[in-house]
Structure formats: C-alpha cells, structure tokens
Amino acid sequence: MMTRMLALGALGLSLIGTGCATKKYVTQSIAPVETRVAQTESKNTDQDKQLATQTARIEDMDRDLSQTKEKLTDTDAKATGAAETAKRADDKAAGAQRTATEAATAAEGARTFASNGLNQLERTVDATNKFKLAKSETILFKVNRWTLTDEAKSQLREFAAAATNLDRYTIEVQGFTDKTGSIDYNKTLSEQRAHEVARYLNNEFKIPVRSVAILGSGYAQPVGNDQTSSGRKQNRRVEVRLFVPEAATAVSATPTGN
C-alpha cells in the first residue's frame, strides 16, 4: 500500500509540474501503475503468506526439535539411571560373591580345624588308653624275709614321688624268691613281699589301692644265677613298675637295683 501511494504521489507531482495533464491521460497513465502496484502487493501478500507458512513450519520444527531434545534428554537420563542401577547390581553381586567366597573359606577352615581336632582327639584317646613304662624299682629282701629295709623304703619314697605327680597311672608290684624252699612256700613268700611293698606305698604315700596290681610269682623269672649267693640275692626281690598313659607327660624310666 505504501508503494502505491508513493507511486501515485510521484506521478501527480510529475503531472502538476508539466501543467498539461488531462483526465484521460491521467487515467491512462495511472491505471497501469495501479495494476503493477496491485500485482506487486498481491505478490507481497503471497510472499507474506508463504513467509508466515514457512515461519509456522519452522516454529513447528523448533517445537518438534525441542520435544525430540527433551525425549533424548529423558532417554539419556533413563539410560544413565539404568547404567547406575546395573553398576549397583554388579557391585552387590561382587559383594555377594566375596561374601560367599569368604564363607566358603571359613567353612573349609572350620572343617579342617574340626578334622584336625578330631584326629588329635582320637590320637589322645588312643594314647590315653595305651600305657608305657615310666619308672621301675627293684626292691631286695633278706632270706625268708618280707620286711622292708631302710634302703628299700628310700627307693619306694622316690618311686612314690614320681607317681603322685601324675593324674593317672598304674603300678605293678610283682614279688619273686630264690629257688630255696618249696614251690608253694616260695609263692606265698613272694606274695607277702609284694603285699608289703603295696601296703607301704598306700600307708605312707596314699597311693590308691585301685591303682596297684599285686602278683606273687615265686621262683619264676630269675635274674641271677641261683647257684651263687649273689645270684640268689638278686632273685629275692620285688619289681615295682610305674605305667602311665602315652598321652601323659613322660617320666623317665630309671630302673635301679640288681
């Protein structure tokens, strides 16, 4: 519209300036211009419409792009969240695996410990039920006598000291004679000698009777030549033996006497 007015104004000024314009001339001159102006305005209007359409399309595209960006952002956020969730799950799985491994290791250690303990217990029980000689003494007697000499009492005192330091033990007291006398006499005499030793251990050192085994063997198992005085002296004896469980603290076996 502005272009048309400017064109008409310019034409009017032109005609006024010449002073010879007629109505017909004006009509003939202005009509084409108005037509061109109208065409131009129509084109401008079309262009404005096209521009408006393109602008609307661009705005739609901008909205679509914004929505797409929002969707991408949301998708990225969800993907990041999923990745973090997966990482936490992996961490938990790794922790569970470590815990399971540690538990398996502890269980294996417990089984090994229990097995070793059981084996040790079996060895201990076995050793407790098996006895070994820890100490022995040989007590000598005069002919046809069963009383204890001072030397014999001293020997038994040392023997009892070793026994009373133990929790569990067994004492064997076995009496013997030389060959002089009958078999029955020697058997009785050897028993009297063994009983005298056991009685002394019980009376003087409180050795329990249940821990003492007594046997009279007469002339059996001589250790000396009975044809000589020294040999017969060696045979008139009581052998006292201290046995302890293999699991107990060993007491050195120290046989004495002839």
Protein backbone atom coordinates (compact mmCIF):
# COMPACT_ATOMS: atom_id res chain seq x y z
CA MET A 1 0.00 0.00 0.00
CA MET A 2 2.80 2.38 0.84
CA THR A 3 4.44 1.67 -2.50
CA ARG A 4 1.23 2.50 -4.37
CA MET A 5 0.80 5.81 -2.60
CA LEU A 6 4.36 6.80 -3.31
CA ALA A 7 3.94 5.92 -6.96
CA LEU A 8 0.74 7.94 -7.30
CA GLY A 9 2.26 10.85 -5.47
CA ALA A 10 5.24 10.85 -7.76
CA LEU A 11 3.05 10.72 -10.81
CA GLY A 12 0.83 13.55 -9.56
CA LEU A 13 3.83 15.73 -8.93
CA SER A 14 5.04 14.92 -12.37
CA LEU A 15 1.80 15.96 -13.97
CA ILE A 16 1.42 19.10 -11.93
CA GLY A 17 4.93 20.03 -12.85
CA THR A 18 4.22 19.87 -16.59
CA GLY A 19 0.81 21.55 -16.28
CA CYS A 20 -0.57 19.74 -19.33
CA ALA A 21 -2.13 16.58 -17.89
CA THR A 22 -5.66 15.68 -18.89
CA LYS A 23 -8.06 13.36 -17.15
CA LYS A 24 -7.75 10.78 -19.88
CA TYR A 25 -4.05 10.97 -19.80
CA VAL A 26 -4.03 10.61 -16.09
CA THR A 27 -6.31 7.63 -16.27
CA GLN A 28 -4.22 6.00 -18.94
CA SER A 29 -1.02 6.70 -17.10
CA ILE A 30 -2.09 5.80 -13.62
CA ALA A 31 -4.06 2.65 -14.42
CA PRO A 32 -1.03 0.62 -15.46
CA VAL A 33 0.85 1.78 -12.44
CA GLU A 34 -2.00 0.85 -10.16
CA THR A 35 -2.19 -2.51 -11.86
CA ARG A 36 1.51 -3.09 -11.34
CA VAL A 37 1.25 -1.89 -7.78
CA ALA A 38 -1.72 -4.19 -7.17
CA GLN A 39 0.21 -7.07 -8.69
CA THR A 40 3.19 -6.21 -6.55
CA GLU A 41 1.05 -6.02 -3.44
CA SER A 42 -0.55 -9.33 -4.37
CA LYS A 43 2.87 -10.86 -4.78
CA ASN A 44 3.94 -9.35 -1.48
CA THR A 45 0.82 -10.72 0.14
CA ASP A 46 1.54 -14.16 -1.28
CA GLN A 47 5.12 -13.88 -0.15
CA ASP A 48 3.94 -12.77 3.28
CA LYS A 49 1.63 -15.79 3.40
CA GLN A 50 4.44 -18.06 2.26
CA LEU A 51 6.72 -16.47 4.82
CA ALA A 52 4.09 -16.91 7.50
CA THR A 53 3.62 -20.53 6.44
CA GLN A 54 7.37 -21.14 6.47
CA THR A 55 7.64 -19.38 9.80
CA ALA A 56 4.89 -21.58 11.18
CA ARG A 57 6.65 -24.63 9.79
CA ILE A 58 9.93 -23.51 11.32
CA GLU A 59 8.18 -22.96 14.64
CA ASP A 60 6.65 -26.43 14.36
CA MET A 61 10.07 -27.83 13.56
CA ASP A 62 11.52 -25.95 16.53
CA ARG A 63 8.83 -27.44 18.76
CA ASP A 64 9.46 -30.88 17.32
CA LEU A 65 13.19 -30.39 17.81
CA SER A 66 12.66 -29.24 21.38
CA GLN A 67 10.44 -32.23 22.06
CA THR A 68 12.99 -34.51 20.45
CA LYS A 69 15.73 -32.96 22.60
CA GLU A 70 13.58 -33.42 25.69
CA LYS A 71 12.96 -37.05 24.73
CA LEU A 72 16.68 -37.55 24.11
CA THR A 73 17.48 -35.93 27.45
CA ASP A 74 14.91 -38.14 29.17
CA THR A 75 16.27 -41.18 27.35
CA ASP A 76 19.82 -40.25 28.36
CA ALA A 77 18.70 -39.81 31.95
CA LYS A 78 16.95 -43.17 31.89
CA ALA A 79 19.99 -44.78 30.29
CA THR A 80 22.25 -43.20 32.91
CA GLY A 81 19.91 -44.38 35.66
CA ALA A 82 19.83 -47.87 34.18
CA ALA A 83 23.63 -47.90 33.98
CA GLU A 84 23.91 -46.79 37.61
CA THR A 85 21.36 -49.42 38.64
CA ALA A 86 23.30 -52.05 36.71
CA LYS A 87 26.54 -50.92 38.36
CA ARG A 88 24.96 -51.12 41.81
CA ALA A 89 23.66 -54.58 40.94
CA ASP A 90 27.15 -55.59 39.78
CA ASP A 91 28.64 -54.20 42.98
CA LYS A 92 26.10 -56.12 45.05
CA ALA A 93 26.77 -59.27 43.06
CA ALA A 94 30.52 -58.82 43.53
CA GLY A 95 29.98 -58.24 47.26
CA ALA A 96 27.78 -61.31 47.47
CA GLN A 97 30.44 -63.31 45.64
CA ARG A 98 33.12 -62.08 48.04
CA THR A 99 30.90 -62.93 50.98
CA ALA A 100 30.21 -66.38 49.54
CA THR A 101 33.93 -66.92 48.93
CA GLU A 102 34.80 -65.81 52.44
CA ALA A 103 32.06 -68.03 53.86
CA ALA A 104 33.32 -70.98 51.82
CA THR A 105 36.88 -70.31 53.00
CA ALA A 106 35.71 -70.05 56.60
CA ALA A 107 33.69 -73.25 56.24
CA GLU A 108 36.66 -75.07 54.77
CA GLY A 109 38.85 -73.77 57.59
CA ALA A 110 36.27 -74.92 60.12
CA ARG A 111 36.11 -78.36 58.52
CA THR A 112 39.90 -78.59 58.52
CA PHE A 113 40.05 -77.42 62.13
CA ALA A 114 37.34 -79.89 63.15
CA SER A 115 39.04 -82.70 61.26
CA ASN A 116 42.40 -81.89 62.81
CA GLY A 117 40.77 -81.61 66.23
CA LEU A 118 39.01 -84.94 65.77
CA ASN A 119 42.22 -86.60 64.65
CA GLN A 120 44.04 -85.12 67.61
CA LEU A 121 41.27 -86.26 69.94
CA GLU A 122 41.42 -89.77 68.52
CA ARG A 123 45.18 -89.81 68.96
CA THR A 124 44.80 -88.51 72.50
CA VAL A 125 42.16 -91.09 73.41
CA ASP A 126 44.25 -93.81 71.85
CA ALA A 127 47.34 -92.60 73.68
CA THR A 128 45.34 -92.35 76.92
CA ASN A 129 44.27 -95.97 76.64
CA LYS A 130 47.80 -97.15 75.93
CA PHE A 131 50.24 -97.29 78.81
CA LYS A 132 54.00 -97.18 78.77
CA LEU A 133 56.63 -97.85 81.40
CA ALA A 134 57.68 -94.63 83.09
CA LYS A 135 59.73 -95.82 86.07
CA SER A 136 60.77 -99.02 87.83
CA GLU A 137 62.50 -100.05 91.04
CA THR A 138 63.86 -103.39 92.24
CA ILE A 139 63.47 -103.95 95.99
CA LEU A 140 65.73 -106.66 97.50
CA PHE A 141 64.93 -108.83 100.55
CA LYS A 142 66.84 -110.99 103.02
CA VAL A 143 66.44 -114.77 103.10
CA ASN A 144 62.93 -115.84 104.08
CA ARG A 145 62.01 -112.23 104.97
CA TRP A 146 59.44 -109.82 103.56
CA THR A 147 60.08 -106.77 105.75
CA LEU A 148 61.44 -103.64 104.06
CA THR A 149 64.96 -102.44 104.71
CA ASP A 150 65.80 -98.75 105.06
CA GLU A 151 67.30 -98.83 101.60
CA ALA A 152 64.09 -100.34 100.21
CA LYS A 153 61.99 -97.63 101.87
CA SER A 154 64.20 -94.94 100.36
CA GLN A 155 63.74 -96.45 96.93
CA LEU A 156 59.97 -96.59 97.35
CA ARG A 157 59.88 -92.98 98.58
CA GLU A 158 61.49 -91.82 95.33
CA PHE A 159 59.19 -94.06 93.33
CA ALA A 160 56.05 -92.73 95.05
CA ALA A 161 57.13 -89.13 94.43
CA ALA A 162 57.10 -89.81 90.69
CA ALA A 163 53.66 -91.43 90.85
CA THR A 164 51.90 -88.84 93.00
CA ASN A 165 52.71 -86.10 90.46
CA LEU A 166 50.56 -87.87 87.87
CA ASP A 167 46.79 -87.78 87.34
CA ARG A 168 46.52 -91.30 86.01
CA TYR A 169 48.83 -94.25 86.42
CA THR A 170 49.04 -97.94 87.21
CA ILE A 171 51.60 -99.64 89.46
CA GLU A 172 52.58 -103.26 89.08
CA VAL A 173 54.07 -104.93 92.15
CA GLN A 174 55.48 -108.39 91.39
CA GLY A 175 57.24 -110.48 94.07
CA PHE A 176 59.93 -113.17 93.49
CA THR A 177 62.09 -115.60 95.52
CA ASP A 178 65.22 -117.60 95.02
CA LYS A 179 64.96 -121.34 94.40
CA THR A 180 65.37 -122.33 98.05
CA GLY A 181 62.16 -123.83 99.51
CA SER A 182 59.13 -125.46 98.00
CA ILE A 183 57.08 -124.03 95.20
CA ASP A 184 54.11 -123.27 97.45
CA TYR A 185 56.32 -121.68 100.09
CA ASN A 186 58.06 -119.50 97.53
CA LYS A 187 54.72 -118.48 96.02
CA THR A 188 53.40 -117.41 99.42
CA LEU A 189 56.64 -115.64 100.32
CA SER A 190 56.69 -113.74 97.01
CA GLU A 191 53.08 -112.63 97.59
CA GLN A 192 53.94 -111.44 101.12
CA ARG A 193 56.82 -109.40 99.76
CA ALA A 194 54.60 -107.83 97.06
CA HIS A 195 51.85 -107.02 99.57
CA GLU A 196 54.37 -105.42 101.92
CA VAL A 197 55.54 -103.07 99.16
CA ALA A 198 51.95 -102.18 98.17
CA ARG A 199 50.99 -101.63 101.82
CA TYR A 200 53.91 -99.27 102.32
CA LEU A 201 53.01 -97.24 99.22
CA ASN A 202 49.41 -96.93 100.37
CA ASN A 203 50.09 -96.23 104.05
CA GLU A 204 52.95 -93.79 103.62
CA PHE A 205 52.18 -92.08 100.30
CA LYS A 206 48.43 -92.56 99.86
CA ILE A 207 48.83 -94.48 96.63
CA PRO A 208 45.26 -95.69 95.86
CA VAL A 209 44.75 -99.43 96.20
CA ARG A 210 42.84 -99.41 92.89
CA SER A 211 46.00 -98.20 91.15
CA VAL A 212 48.13 -101.11 92.37
CA ALA A 213 48.21 -104.61 90.86
CA ILE A 214 49.88 -107.29 93.03
CA LEU A 215 51.28 -110.64 91.96
CA GLY A 216 53.45 -113.26 93.68
CA SER A 217 55.45 -115.28 91.13
CA GLY A 218 57.68 -117.40 93.40
CA TYR A 219 60.89 -118.50 91.72
CA ALA A 220 59.70 -117.65 88.21
CA GLN A 221 61.77 -115.32 86.03
CA PRO A 222 65.08 -115.41 87.95
CA VAL A 223 67.52 -112.63 87.09
CA GLY A 224 70.59 -114.09 88.79
CA ASN A 225 72.42 -117.42 88.99
CA ASP A 226 70.72 -119.24 91.85
CA GLN A 227 73.80 -121.41 92.36
CA THR A 228 75.65 -118.46 93.88
CA SER A 229 74.95 -116.30 96.92
CA SER A 230 74.95 -113.08 94.88
CA GLY A 231 72.65 -114.63 92.29
CA ARG A 232 70.15 -115.75 94.94
CA LYS A 233 70.26 -112.25 96.44
CA GLN A 234 69.22 -110.76 93.10
CA ASN A 235 66.34 -113.22 92.83
CA ARG A 236 64.89 -112.34 96.26
CA ARG A 237 63.17 -109.22 95.00
CA VAL A 238 60.02 -107.24 94.24
CA GLU A 239 59.86 -105.40 90.97
CA VAL A 240 57.80 -102.18 91.14
CA ARG A 241 56.82 -100.69 87.78
CA LEU A 242 55.02 -97.40 87.11
CA PHE A 243 52.94 -97.23 83.93
CA VAL A 244 51.41 -94.00 82.58
CA PRO A 245 49.24 -93.25 79.53
CA GLU A 246 51.22 -92.43 76.43
CA ALA A 247 49.45 -89.06 76.37
CA ALA A 248 50.72 -88.16 79.84
CA THR A 249 53.96 -86.33 80.49
CA ALA A 250 56.60 -88.98 80.36
CA VAL A 251 58.62 -89.75 83.43
CA SER A 252 61.99 -91.13 82.53
CA ALA A 253 62.24 -94.83 83.22
CA THR A 254 65.05 -95.28 85.66
CA PRO A 255 65.43 -98.96 86.57
CA THR A 256 67.55 -99.47 89.64
CA GLY A 257 68.74 -102.41 91.72
CA ASN A 258 70.03 -105.76 90.55
